[in-house]
PDB file of N, CA and C in Angstrom:
ATOM      1  N   MET A   1     -68.056 -15.475 -82.859  1.00  0.00           N
ATOM      2  CA  MET A   1     -67.243 -14.799 -81.864  1.00  0.00           C
ATOM      3  C   MET A   1     -66.127 -15.735 -81.414  1.00  0.00           C
ATOM      4  N   SER A   2     -64.943 -15.213 -81.334  1.00  0.00           N
ATOM      5  CA  SER A   2     -63.775 -15.985 -80.955  1.00  0.00           C
ATOM      6  C   SER A   2     -63.782 -16.279 -79.458  1.00  0.00           C
ATOM      7  N   CYS A   3     -63.146 -17.391 -79.083  1.00  0.00           N
ATOM      8  CA  CYS A   3     -63.057 -17.763 -77.676  1.00  0.00           C
ATOM      9  C   CYS A   3     -61.885 -17.083 -76.985  1.00  0.00           C
ATOM     10  N   SER A   4     -60.989 -16.479 -77.731  1.00  0.00           N
ATOM     11  CA  SER A   4     -59.837 -15.836 -77.105  1.00  0.00           C
ATOM     12  C   SER A   4     -59.971 -14.324 -77.204  1.00  0.00           C
ATOM     13  N   PHE A   5     -59.297 -13.646 -76.299  1.00  0.00           N
ATOM     14  CA  PHE A   5     -59.319 -12.198 -76.329  1.00  0.00           C
ATOM     15  C   PHE A   5     -58.426 -11.756 -77.472  1.00  0.00           C
ATOM     16  N   ASP A   6     -58.901 -10.887 -78.301  1.00  0.00           N
ATOM     17  CA  ASP A   6     -58.173 -10.440 -79.482  1.00  0.00           C
ATOM     18  C   ASP A   6     -56.980  -9.583 -79.071  1.00  0.00           C
ATOM     19  N   SER A   7     -55.771 -10.086 -79.317  1.00  0.00           N
ATOM     20  CA  SER A   7     -54.559  -9.373 -78.909  1.00  0.00           C
ATOM     21  C   SER A   7     -54.337  -8.098 -79.707  1.00  0.00           C
ATOM     22  N   ARG A   8     -55.081  -7.889 -80.791  1.00  0.00           N
ATOM     23  CA  ARG A   8     -54.940  -6.672 -81.583  1.00  0.00           C
ATOM     24  C   ARG A   8     -55.736  -5.520 -80.985  1.00  0.00           C
ATOM     25  N   THR A   9     -56.512  -5.811 -79.949  1.00  0.00           N
ATOM     26  CA  THR A   9     -57.298  -4.775 -79.298  1.00  0.00           C
ATOM     27  C   THR A   9     -56.363  -3.725 -78.703  1.00  0.00           C
ATOM     28  N   VAL A  10     -56.751  -2.494 -78.810  1.00  0.00           N
ATOM     29  CA  VAL A  10     -55.924  -1.397 -78.307  1.00  0.00           C
ATOM     30  C   VAL A  10     -55.815  -1.445 -76.794  1.00  0.00           C
ATOM     31  N   LEU A  11     -56.893  -1.790 -76.111  1.00  0.00           N
ATOM     32  CA  LEU A  11     -56.904  -1.803 -74.658  1.00  0.00           C
ATOM     33  C   LEU A  11     -56.549  -3.173 -74.104  1.00  0.00           C
ATOM     34  N   ASP A  12     -55.807  -3.184 -73.045  1.00  0.00           N
ATOM     35  CA  ASP A  12     -55.426  -4.393 -72.329  1.00  0.00           C
ATOM     36  C   ASP A  12     -56.670  -5.009 -71.677  1.00  0.00           C
ATOM     37  N   PRO A  13     -56.754  -6.341 -71.586  1.00  0.00           N
ATOM     38  CA  PRO A  13     -57.920  -6.970 -70.940  1.00  0.00           C
ATOM     39  C   PRO A  13     -58.142  -6.496 -69.508  1.00  0.00           C
ATOM     40  N   ASN A  14     -57.060  -6.196 -68.760  1.00  0.00           N
ATOM     41  CA  ASN A  14     -57.215  -5.698 -67.390  1.00  0.00           C
ATOM     42  C   ASN A  14     -57.926  -4.347 -67.377  1.00  0.00           C
ATOM     43  N   VAL A  15     -57.587  -3.511 -68.333  1.00  0.00           N
ATOM     44  CA  VAL A  15     -58.204  -2.190 -68.419  1.00  0.00           C
ATOM     45  C   VAL A  15     -59.679  -2.327 -68.783  1.00  0.00           C
ATOM     46  N   VAL A  16     -59.967  -3.129 -69.781  1.00  0.00           N
ATOM     47  CA  VAL A  16     -61.349  -3.288 -70.240  1.00  0.00           C
ATOM     48  C   VAL A  16     -62.208  -3.914 -69.149  1.00  0.00           C
ATOM     49  N   TYR A  17     -61.686  -4.937 -68.459  1.00  0.00           N
ATOM     50  CA  TYR A  17     -62.426  -5.562 -67.359  1.00  0.00           C
ATOM     51  C   TYR A  17     -62.712  -4.531 -66.272  1.00  0.00           C
ATOM     52  N   SER A  18     -61.697  -3.763 -65.902  1.00  0.00           N
ATOM     53  CA  SER A  18     -61.877  -2.760 -64.851  1.00  0.00           C
ATOM     54  C   SER A  18     -62.885  -1.695 -65.254  1.00  0.00           C
ATOM     55  N   LEU A  19     -62.819  -1.256 -66.499  1.00  0.00           N
ATOM     56  CA  LEU A  19     -63.734  -0.216 -66.954  1.00  0.00           C
ATOM     57  C   LEU A  19     -65.163  -0.722 -67.085  1.00  0.00           C
ATOM     58  N   ASP A  20     -65.334  -1.999 -67.362  1.00  0.00           N
ATOM     59  CA  ASP A  20     -66.685  -2.540 -67.538  1.00  0.00           C
ATOM     60  C   ASP A  20     -67.244  -2.972 -66.187  1.00  0.00           C
ATOM     61  N   GLU A  21     -66.962  -4.179 -65.752  1.00  0.00           N
ATOM     62  CA  GLU A  21     -67.538  -4.691 -64.510  1.00  0.00           C
ATOM     63  C   GLU A  21     -67.084  -3.894 -63.287  1.00  0.00           C
ATOM     64  N   GLY A  22     -65.803  -3.561 -63.220  1.00  0.00           N
ATOM     65  CA  GLY A  22     -65.258  -2.884 -62.042  1.00  0.00           C
ATOM     66  C   GLY A  22     -65.816  -1.496 -61.808  1.00  0.00           C
ATOM     67  N   PHE A  23     -65.753  -0.641 -62.825  1.00  0.00           N
ATOM     68  CA  PHE A  23     -66.240   0.731 -62.657  1.00  0.00           C
ATOM     69  C   PHE A  23     -67.751   0.769 -62.462  1.00  0.00           C
ATOM     70  N   LYS A  24     -68.466  -0.039 -63.212  1.00  0.00           N
ATOM     71  CA  LYS A  24     -69.927  -0.063 -63.042  1.00  0.00           C
ATOM     72  C   LYS A  24     -70.282  -0.476 -61.621  1.00  0.00           C
ATOM     73  N   SER A  25     -69.615  -1.512 -61.122  1.00  0.00           N
ATOM     74  CA  SER A  25     -69.904  -1.989 -59.768  1.00  0.00           C
ATOM     75  C   SER A  25     -69.541  -0.948 -58.726  1.00  0.00           C
ATOM     76  N   SER A  26     -68.405  -0.294 -58.894  1.00  0.00           N
ATOM     77  CA  SER A  26     -67.983   0.695 -57.900  1.00  0.00           C
ATOM     78  C   SER A  26     -68.942   1.888 -57.839  1.00  0.00           C
ATOM     79  N   SER A  27     -69.607   2.180 -58.939  1.00  0.00           N
ATOM     80  CA  SER A  27     -70.546   3.300 -58.920  1.00  0.00           C
ATOM     81  C   SER A  27     -71.800   2.980 -58.090  1.00  0.00           C
ATOM     82  N   TYR A  28     -72.021   1.726 -57.779  1.00  0.00           N
ATOM     83  CA  TYR A  28     -73.167   1.313 -56.958  1.00  0.00           C
ATOM     84  C   TYR A  28     -72.754   0.958 -55.528  1.00  0.00           C
ATOM     85  N   LEU A  29     -71.519   1.226 -55.170  1.00  0.00           N
ATOM     86  CA  LEU A  29     -71.029   0.835 -53.857  1.00  0.00           C
ATOM     87  C   LEU A  29     -71.765   1.538 -52.717  1.00  0.00           C
ATOM     88  N   THR A  30     -71.984   2.832 -52.825  1.00  0.00           N
ATOM     89  CA  THR A  30     -72.683   3.564 -51.762  1.00  0.00           C
ATOM     90  C   THR A  30     -74.089   3.023 -51.563  1.00  0.00           C
ATOM     91  N   GLU A  31     -74.828   2.859 -52.666  1.00  0.00           N
ATOM     92  CA  GLU A  31     -76.196   2.332 -52.560  1.00  0.00           C
ATOM     93  C   GLU A  31     -76.206   0.934 -51.949  1.00  0.00           C
ATOM     94  N   THR A  32     -75.204   0.131 -52.296  1.00  0.00           N
ATOM     95  CA  THR A  32     -75.136  -1.236 -51.780  1.00  0.00           C
ATOM     96  C   THR A  32     -74.861  -1.231 -50.284  1.00  0.00           C
ATOM     97  N   LEU A  33     -73.912  -0.430 -49.848  1.00  0.00           N
ATOM     98  CA  LEU A  33     -73.569  -0.400 -48.425  1.00  0.00           C
ATOM     99  C   LEU A  33     -74.690   0.183 -47.564  1.00  0.00           C
ATOM    100  N   LEU A  34     -75.472   1.093 -48.117  1.00  0.00           N
ATOM    101  CA  LEU A  34     -76.578   1.685 -47.371  1.00  0.00           C
ATOM    102  C   LEU A  34     -77.863   0.875 -47.454  1.00  0.00           C
ATOM    103  N   ASP A  35     -77.912  -0.108 -48.321  1.00  0.00           N
ATOM    104  CA  ASP A  35     -79.099  -0.949 -48.486  1.00  0.00           C
ATOM    105  C   ASP A  35     -79.254  -1.846 -47.253  1.00  0.00           C
ATOM    106  N   PRO A  36     -80.442  -1.891 -46.645  1.00  0.00           N
ATOM    107  CA  PRO A  36     -80.648  -2.715 -45.445  1.00  0.00           C
ATOM    108  C   PRO A  36     -80.396  -4.210 -45.686  1.00  0.00           C
ATOM    109  N   GLU A  37     -80.701  -4.686 -46.885  1.00  0.00           N
ATOM    110  CA  GLU A  37     -80.509  -6.112 -47.187  1.00  0.00           C
ATOM    111  C   GLU A  37     -79.079  -6.408 -47.631  1.00  0.00           C
ATOM    112  N   PHE A  38     -78.518  -5.591 -48.498  1.00  0.00           N
ATOM    113  CA  PHE A  38     -77.207  -5.847 -49.079  1.00  0.00           C
ATOM    114  C   PHE A  38     -76.054  -5.336 -48.206  1.00  0.00           C
ATOM    115  N   GLY A  39     -76.309  -4.292 -47.428  1.00  0.00           N
ATOM    116  CA  GLY A  39     -75.245  -3.597 -46.709  1.00  0.00           C
ATOM    117  C   GLY A  39     -74.398  -4.447 -45.790  1.00  0.00           C
ATOM    118  N   HIS A  40     -74.997  -5.411 -45.139  1.00  0.00           N
ATOM    119  CA  HIS A  40     -74.255  -6.265 -44.203  1.00  0.00           C
ATOM    120  C   HIS A  40     -74.290  -7.726 -44.620  1.00  0.00           C
ATOM    121  N   ALA A  41     -74.597  -7.978 -45.870  1.00  0.00           N
ATOM    122  CA  ALA A  41     -74.715  -9.353 -46.361  1.00  0.00           C
ATOM    123  C   ALA A  41     -73.347  -9.962 -46.628  1.00  0.00           C
ATOM    124  N   TYR A  42     -73.250 -11.258 -46.453  1.00  0.00           N
ATOM    125  CA  TYR A  42     -72.034 -12.001 -46.760  1.00  0.00           C
ATOM    126  C   TYR A  42     -72.199 -12.864 -48.013  1.00  0.00           C
ATOM    127  N   GLU A  43     -73.396 -12.907 -48.560  1.00  0.00           N
ATOM    128  CA  GLU A  43     -73.651 -13.726 -49.746  1.00  0.00           C
ATOM    129  C   GLU A  43     -72.985 -13.093 -50.967  1.00  0.00           C
ATOM    130  N   PRO A  44     -72.418 -13.923 -51.835  1.00  0.00           N
ATOM    131  CA  PRO A  44     -71.726 -13.393 -53.015  1.00  0.00           C
ATOM    132  C   PRO A  44     -72.658 -12.770 -54.053  1.00  0.00           C
ATOM    133  N   ASN A  45     -73.950 -12.991 -53.900  1.00  0.00           N
ATOM    134  CA  ASN A  45     -74.901 -12.405 -54.849  1.00  0.00           C
ATOM    135  C   ASN A  45     -75.592 -11.162 -54.288  1.00  0.00           C
ATOM    136  N   LYS A  46     -75.019 -10.591 -53.248  1.00  0.00           N
ATOM    137  CA  LYS A  46     -75.557  -9.349 -52.676  1.00  0.00           C
ATOM    138  C   LYS A  46     -74.416  -8.330 -52.612  1.00  0.00           C
ATOM    139  N   ALA A  47     -73.900  -8.026 -53.770  1.00  0.00           N
ATOM    140  CA  ALA A  47     -72.752  -7.132 -53.889  1.00  0.00           C
ATOM    141  C   ALA A  47     -73.096  -5.954 -54.803  1.00  0.00           C
ATOM    142  N   ALA A  48     -72.219  -4.983 -54.834  1.00  0.00           N
ATOM    143  CA  ALA A  48     -72.413  -3.820 -55.715  1.00  0.00           C
ATOM    144  C   ALA A  48     -72.526  -4.279 -57.169  1.00  0.00           C
ATOM    145  N   PHE A  49     -71.801  -5.326 -57.527  1.00  0.00           N
ATOM    146  CA  PHE A  49     -71.895  -5.885 -58.874  1.00  0.00           C
ATOM    147  C   PHE A  49     -73.343  -6.224 -59.227  1.00  0.00           C
ATOM    148  N   ASN A  50     -74.057  -6.854 -58.295  1.00  0.00           N
ATOM    149  CA  ASN A  50     -75.439  -7.266 -58.557  1.00  0.00           C
ATOM    150  C   ASN A  50     -76.362  -6.079 -58.792  1.00  0.00           C
ATOM    151  N   LYS A  51     -76.174  -5.027 -58.026  1.00  0.00           N
ATOM    152  CA  LYS A  51     -76.978  -3.825 -58.235  1.00  0.00           C
ATOM    153  C   LYS A  51     -76.626  -3.164 -59.565  1.00  0.00           C
ATOM    154  N   ALA A  52     -75.348  -3.087 -59.882  1.00  0.00           N
ATOM    155  CA  ALA A  52     -74.906  -2.422 -61.108  1.00  0.00           C
ATOM    156  C   ALA A  52     -75.419  -3.116 -62.355  1.00  0.00           C
ATOM    157  N   HIS A  53     -75.424  -4.435 -62.334  1.00  0.00           N
ATOM    158  CA  HIS A  53     -75.807  -5.203 -63.518  1.00  0.00           C
ATOM    159  C   HIS A  53     -77.220  -5.769 -63.422  1.00  0.00           C
ATOM    160  N   ASN A  54     -77.903  -5.478 -62.302  1.00  0.00           N
ATOM    161  CA  ASN A  54     -79.282  -5.912 -62.100  1.00  0.00           C
ATOM    162  C   ASN A  54     -79.442  -7.423 -62.305  1.00  0.00           C
ATOM    163  N   VAL A  55     -78.591  -8.185 -61.617  1.00  0.00           N
ATOM    164  CA  VAL A  55     -78.642  -9.647 -61.695  1.00  0.00           C
ATOM    165  C   VAL A  55     -78.735 -10.236 -60.297  1.00  0.00           C
ATOM    166  N   LYS A  56     -79.294 -11.430 -60.197  1.00  0.00           N
ATOM    167  CA  LYS A  56     -79.459 -12.096 -58.911  1.00  0.00           C
ATOM    168  C   LYS A  56     -78.346 -13.098 -58.605  1.00  0.00           C
ATOM    169  N   GLU A  57     -77.682 -13.624 -59.640  1.00  0.00           N
ATOM    170  CA  GLU A  57     -76.631 -14.614 -59.421  1.00  0.00           C
ATOM    171  C   GLU A  57     -75.297 -13.931 -59.117  1.00  0.00           C
ATOM    172  N   GLU A  58     -74.372 -14.697 -58.504  1.00  0.00           N
ATOM    173  CA  GLU A  58     -73.063 -14.136 -58.222  1.00  0.00           C
ATOM    174  C   GLU A  58     -72.276 -13.985 -59.520  1.00  0.00           C
ATOM    175  N   ILE A  59     -71.209 -13.219 -59.462  1.00  0.00           N
ATOM    176  CA  ILE A  59     -70.474 -12.845 -60.663  1.00  0.00           C
ATOM    177  C   ILE A  59     -69.964 -14.052 -61.444  1.00  0.00           C
ATOM    178  N   TRP A  60     -69.559 -15.125 -60.746  1.00  0.00           N
ATOM    179  CA  TRP A  60     -68.971 -16.287 -61.443  1.00  0.00           C
ATOM    180  C   TRP A  60     -70.020 -17.001 -62.289  1.00  0.00           C
ATOM    181  N   THR A  61     -71.215 -17.144 -61.781  1.00  0.00           N
ATOM    182  CA  THR A  61     -72.299 -17.748 -62.563  1.00  0.00           C
ATOM    183  C   THR A  61     -72.675 -16.828 -63.716  1.00  0.00           C
ATOM    184  N   TRP A  62     -72.702 -15.534 -63.461  1.00  0.00           N
ATOM    185  CA  TRP A  62     -73.024 -14.547 -64.491  1.00  0.00           C
ATOM    186  C   TRP A  62     -72.005 -14.582 -65.621  1.00  0.00           C
ATOM    187  N   PHE A  63     -70.717 -14.693 -65.276  1.00  0.00           N
ATOM    188  CA  PHE A  63     -69.678 -14.791 -66.311  1.00  0.00           C
ATOM    189  C   PHE A  63     -69.916 -15.990 -67.229  1.00  0.00           C
ATOM    190  N   GLU A  64     -70.412 -17.090 -66.674  1.00  0.00           N
ATOM    191  CA  GLU A  64     -70.593 -18.322 -67.440  1.00  0.00           C
ATOM    192  C   GLU A  64     -71.917 -18.382 -68.199  1.00  0.00           C
ATOM    193  N   ALA A  65     -72.757 -17.360 -68.072  1.00  0.00           N
ATOM    194  CA  ALA A  65     -74.024 -17.318 -68.807  1.00  0.00           C
ATOM    195  C   ALA A  65     -73.731 -17.206 -70.307  1.00  0.00           C
ATOM    196  N   PRO A  66     -74.598 -17.776 -71.145  1.00  0.00           N
ATOM    197  CA  PRO A  66     -74.349 -17.784 -72.596  1.00  0.00           C
ATOM    198  C   PRO A  66     -74.054 -16.422 -73.207  1.00  0.00           C
ATOM    199  N   GLY A  67     -74.676 -15.370 -72.749  1.00  0.00           N
ATOM    200  CA  GLY A  67     -74.462 -14.056 -73.347  1.00  0.00           C
ATOM    201  C   GLY A  67     -73.198 -13.348 -72.888  1.00  0.00           C
ATOM    202  N   ASN A  68     -72.447 -13.952 -71.970  1.00  0.00           N
ATOM    203  CA  ASN A  68     -71.267 -13.299 -71.410  1.00  0.00           C
ATOM    204  C   ASN A  68     -69.967 -13.998 -71.769  1.00  0.00           C
ATOM    205  N   LYS A  69     -69.954 -14.730 -72.860  1.00  0.00           N
ATOM    206  CA  LYS A  69     -68.750 -15.475 -73.239  1.00  0.00           C
ATOM    207  C   LYS A  69     -67.550 -14.547 -73.438  1.00  0.00           C
ATOM    208  N   LEU A  70     -67.765 -13.416 -74.081  1.00  0.00           N
ATOM    209  CA  LEU A  70     -66.667 -12.474 -74.293  1.00  0.00           C
ATOM    210  C   LEU A  70     -66.150 -11.932 -72.957  1.00  0.00           C
ATOM    211  N   ARG A  71     -67.058 -11.625 -72.032  1.00  0.00           N
ATOM    212  CA  ARG A  71     -66.634 -11.127 -70.720  1.00  0.00           C
ATOM    213  C   ARG A  71     -65.855 -12.180 -69.948  1.00  0.00           C
ATOM    214  N   LEU A  72     -66.294 -13.435 -70.006  1.00  0.00           N
ATOM    215  CA  LEU A  72     -65.580 -14.521 -69.334  1.00  0.00           C
ATOM    216  C   LEU A  72     -64.186 -14.686 -69.922  1.00  0.00           C
ATOM    217  N   THR A  73     -64.092 -14.641 -71.240  1.00  0.00           N
ATOM    218  CA  THR A  73     -62.799 -14.776 -71.913  1.00  0.00           C
ATOM    219  C   THR A  73     -61.897 -13.607 -71.545  1.00  0.00           C
ATOM    220  N   ARG A  74     -62.455 -12.419 -71.540  1.00  0.00           N
ATOM    221  CA  ARG A  74     -61.685 -11.224 -71.195  1.00  0.00           C
ATOM    222  C   ARG A  74     -61.204 -11.286 -69.745  1.00  0.00           C
ATOM    223  N   PHE A  75     -62.062 -11.761 -68.828  1.00  0.00           N
ATOM    224  CA  PHE A  75     -61.671 -11.888 -67.428  1.00  0.00           C
ATOM    225  C   PHE A  75     -60.515 -12.874 -67.292  1.00  0.00           C
ATOM    226  N   GLY A  76     -60.601 -14.005 -67.993  1.00  0.00           N
ATOM    227  CA  GLY A  76     -59.512 -14.988 -67.961  1.00  0.00           C
ATOM    228  C   GLY A  76     -58.212 -14.401 -68.478  1.00  0.00           C
ATOM    229  N   ALA A  77     -58.294 -13.642 -69.569  1.00  0.00           N
ATOM    230  CA  ALA A  77     -57.098 -12.998 -70.123  1.00  0.00           C
ATOM    231  C   ALA A  77     -56.529 -11.984 -69.135  1.00  0.00           C
ATOM    232  N   ALA A  78     -57.392 -11.250 -68.463  1.00  0.00           N
ATOM    233  CA  ALA A  78     -56.938 -10.266 -67.476  1.00  0.00           C
ATOM    234  C   ALA A  78     -56.233 -10.954 -66.309  1.00  0.00           C
ATOM    235  N   MET A  79     -56.785 -12.062 -65.825  1.00  0.00           N
ATOM    236  CA  MET A  79     -56.164 -12.773 -64.716  1.00  0.00           C
ATOM    237  C   MET A  79     -54.819 -13.377 -65.129  1.00  0.00           C
ATOM    238  N   ASN A  80     -54.744 -13.905 -66.335  1.00  0.00           N
ATOM    239  CA  ASN A  80     -53.461 -14.425 -66.827  1.00  0.00           C
ATOM    240  C   ASN A  80     -52.437 -13.304 -66.947  1.00  0.00           C
ATOM    241  N   GLY A  81     -52.865 -12.144 -67.406  1.00  0.00           N
ATOM    242  CA  GLY A  81     -51.956 -11.005 -67.499  1.00  0.00           C
ATOM    243  C   GLY A  81     -51.420 -10.597 -66.144  1.00  0.00           C
ATOM    244  N   LEU A  82     -52.288 -10.551 -65.139  1.00  0.00           N
ATOM    245  CA  LEU A  82     -51.849 -10.209 -63.786  1.00  0.00           C
ATOM    246  C   LEU A  82     -50.905 -11.263 -63.235  1.00  0.00           C
ATOM    247  N   LYS A  83     -51.215 -12.532 -63.511  1.00  0.00           N
ATOM    248  CA  LYS A  83     -50.347 -13.624 -63.051  1.00  0.00           C
ATOM    249  C   LYS A  83     -48.957 -13.493 -63.657  1.00  0.00           C
ATOM    250  N   ASN A  84     -48.890 -13.104 -64.921  1.00  0.00           N
ATOM    251  CA  ASN A  84     -47.602 -12.996 -65.599  1.00  0.00           C
ATOM    252  C   ASN A  84     -46.826 -11.742 -65.225  1.00  0.00           C
ATOM    253  N   MET A  85     -47.480 -10.772 -64.606  1.00  0.00           N
ATOM    254  CA  MET A  85     -46.811  -9.526 -64.226  1.00  0.00           C
ATOM    255  C   MET A  85     -46.036  -9.646 -62.923  1.00  0.00           C
ATOM    256  N   ALA A  86     -46.397 -10.589 -62.081  1.00  0.00           N
ATOM    257  CA  ALA A  86     -45.788 -10.696 -60.762  1.00  0.00           C
ATOM    258  C   ALA A  86     -45.117 -12.053 -60.590  1.00  0.00           C
ATOM    259  N   PRO A  87     -44.021 -12.099 -59.848  1.00  0.00           N
ATOM    260  CA  PRO A  87     -43.378 -13.377 -59.577  1.00  0.00           C
ATOM    261  C   PRO A  87     -44.257 -14.238 -58.673  1.00  0.00           C
ATOM    262  N   VAL A  88     -44.078 -15.538 -58.760  1.00  0.00           N
ATOM    263  CA  VAL A  88     -44.873 -16.482 -57.965  1.00  0.00           C
ATOM    264  C   VAL A  88     -44.740 -16.176 -56.474  1.00  0.00           C
ATOM    265  N   GLU A  89     -43.556 -15.799 -56.023  1.00  0.00           N
ATOM    266  CA  GLU A  89     -43.309 -15.531 -54.608  1.00  0.00           C
ATOM    267  C   GLU A  89     -44.115 -14.350 -54.081  1.00  0.00           C
ATOM    268  N   ALA A  90     -44.605 -13.506 -54.962  1.00  0.00           N
ATOM    269  CA  ALA A  90     -45.322 -12.301 -54.535  1.00  0.00           C
ATOM    270  C   ALA A  90     -46.581 -12.635 -53.755  1.00  0.00           C
ATOM    271  N   ILE A  91     -47.172 -13.791 -53.993  1.00  0.00           N
ATOM    272  CA  ILE A  91     -48.390 -14.172 -53.277  1.00  0.00           C
ATOM    273  C   ILE A  91     -48.103 -14.332 -51.788  1.00  0.00           C
ATOM    274  N   LEU A  92     -46.995 -14.979 -51.451  1.00  0.00           N
ATOM    275  CA  LEU A  92     -46.662 -15.216 -50.051  1.00  0.00           C
ATOM    276  C   LEU A  92     -45.790 -14.127 -49.439  1.00  0.00           C
ATOM    277  N   GLU A  93     -44.909 -13.554 -50.240  1.00  0.00           N
ATOM    278  CA  GLU A  93     -43.945 -12.601 -49.707  1.00  0.00           C
ATOM    279  C   GLU A  93     -44.308 -11.148 -49.974  1.00  0.00           C
ATOM    280  N   GLY A  94     -45.243 -10.899 -50.835  1.00  0.00           N
ATOM    281  CA  GLY A  94     -45.611  -9.537 -51.195  1.00  0.00           C
ATOM    282  C   GLY A  94     -44.777  -9.044 -52.352  1.00  0.00           C
ATOM    283  N   LEU A  95     -45.354  -8.165 -53.116  1.00  0.00           N
ATOM    284  CA  LEU A  95     -44.661  -7.658 -54.294  1.00  0.00           C
ATOM    285  C   LEU A  95     -43.787  -6.465 -53.965  1.00  0.00           C
ATOM    286  N   PHE A  96     -44.225  -5.627 -53.044  1.00  0.00           N
ATOM    287  CA  PHE A  96     -43.502  -4.402 -52.749  1.00  0.00           C
ATOM    288  C   PHE A  96     -42.842  -4.488 -51.391  1.00  0.00           C
ATOM    289  N   ARG A  97     -41.643  -4.004 -51.323  1.00  0.00           N
ATOM    290  CA  ARG A  97     -40.868  -3.995 -50.083  1.00  0.00           C
ATOM    291  C   ARG A  97     -40.647  -2.543 -49.645  1.00  0.00           C
ATOM    292  N   PRO A  98     -40.361  -2.326 -48.365  1.00  0.00           N
ATOM    293  CA  PRO A  98     -40.078  -0.963 -47.900  1.00  0.00           C
ATOM    294  C   PRO A  98     -38.876  -0.375 -48.641  1.00  0.00           C
ATOM    295  N   HIS A  99     -38.857   0.934 -48.751  1.00  0.00           N
ATOM    296  CA  HIS A  99     -37.769   1.626 -49.423  1.00  0.00           C
ATOM    297  C   HIS A  99     -36.438   1.243 -48.770  1.00  0.00           C
ATOM    298  N   GLY A 100     -35.453   0.946 -49.583  1.00  0.00           N
ATOM    299  CA  GLY A 100     -34.136   0.585 -49.076  1.00  0.00           C
ATOM    300  C   GLY A 100     -33.948  -0.909 -48.966  1.00  0.00           C
ATOM    301  N   SER A 101     -34.991  -1.675 -49.137  1.00  0.00           N
ATOM    302  CA  SER A 101     -34.888  -3.125 -49.064  1.00  0.00           C
ATOM    303  C   SER A 101     -34.220  -3.654 -50.314  1.00  0.00           C
ATOM    304  N   CYS A 102     -33.304  -4.576 -50.129  1.00  0.00           N
ATOM    305  CA  CYS A 102     -32.601  -5.160 -51.280  1.00  0.00           C
ATOM    306  C   CYS A 102     -33.179  -6.532 -51.576  1.00  0.00           C
ATOM    307  N   THR A 103     -34.339  -6.542 -52.160  1.00  0.00           N
ATOM    308  CA  THR A 103     -34.971  -7.804 -52.522  1.00  0.00           C
ATOM    309  C   THR A 103     -35.244  -7.772 -54.021  1.00  0.00           C
ATOM    310  N   PRO A 104     -35.470  -8.938 -54.608  1.00  0.00           N
ATOM    311  CA  PRO A 104     -35.769  -8.960 -56.045  1.00  0.00           C
ATOM    312  C   PRO A 104     -37.054  -8.227 -56.401  1.00  0.00           C
ATOM    313  N   PHE A 105     -37.910  -7.962 -55.400  1.00  0.00           N
ATOM    314  CA  PHE A 105     -39.185  -7.321 -55.663  1.00  0.00           C
ATOM    315  C   PHE A 105     -39.144  -5.821 -55.467  1.00  0.00           C
ATOM    316  N   HIS A 106     -37.974  -5.296 -55.072  1.00  0.00           N
ATOM    317  CA  HIS A 106     -37.869  -3.857 -54.799  1.00  0.00           C
ATOM    318  C   HIS A 106     -37.997  -3.081 -56.105  1.00  0.00           C
ATOM    319  N   ILE A 107     -38.847  -2.079 -56.080  1.00  0.00           N
ATOM    320  CA  ILE A 107     -39.032  -1.244 -57.269  1.00  0.00           C
ATOM    321  C   ILE A 107     -38.489   0.143 -56.988  1.00  0.00           C
TER     322      ILE A 107
END
């Protein structure tokens, strides 16, 4: 298995990441919020992700597990893609401006 995300893949890494970990986790959001233990927890290992994937560790440790190398690589590719889509200033100044604003970020 390659260490890099295959650029010949039809789907973008952001899409695949969202459809895999993101959608699965979101489908467990109601159960997580209503759970007496998880609902008001601040621990990173008591999230909808943990219920969806039936794991006890937080997502970052799970990504680094031996069987998740492709997911870790895909997540890295997705984050790099997002980083390259927005200007550096967007972190502090925001990407979107109110309508009529004449800024480089106006869409």
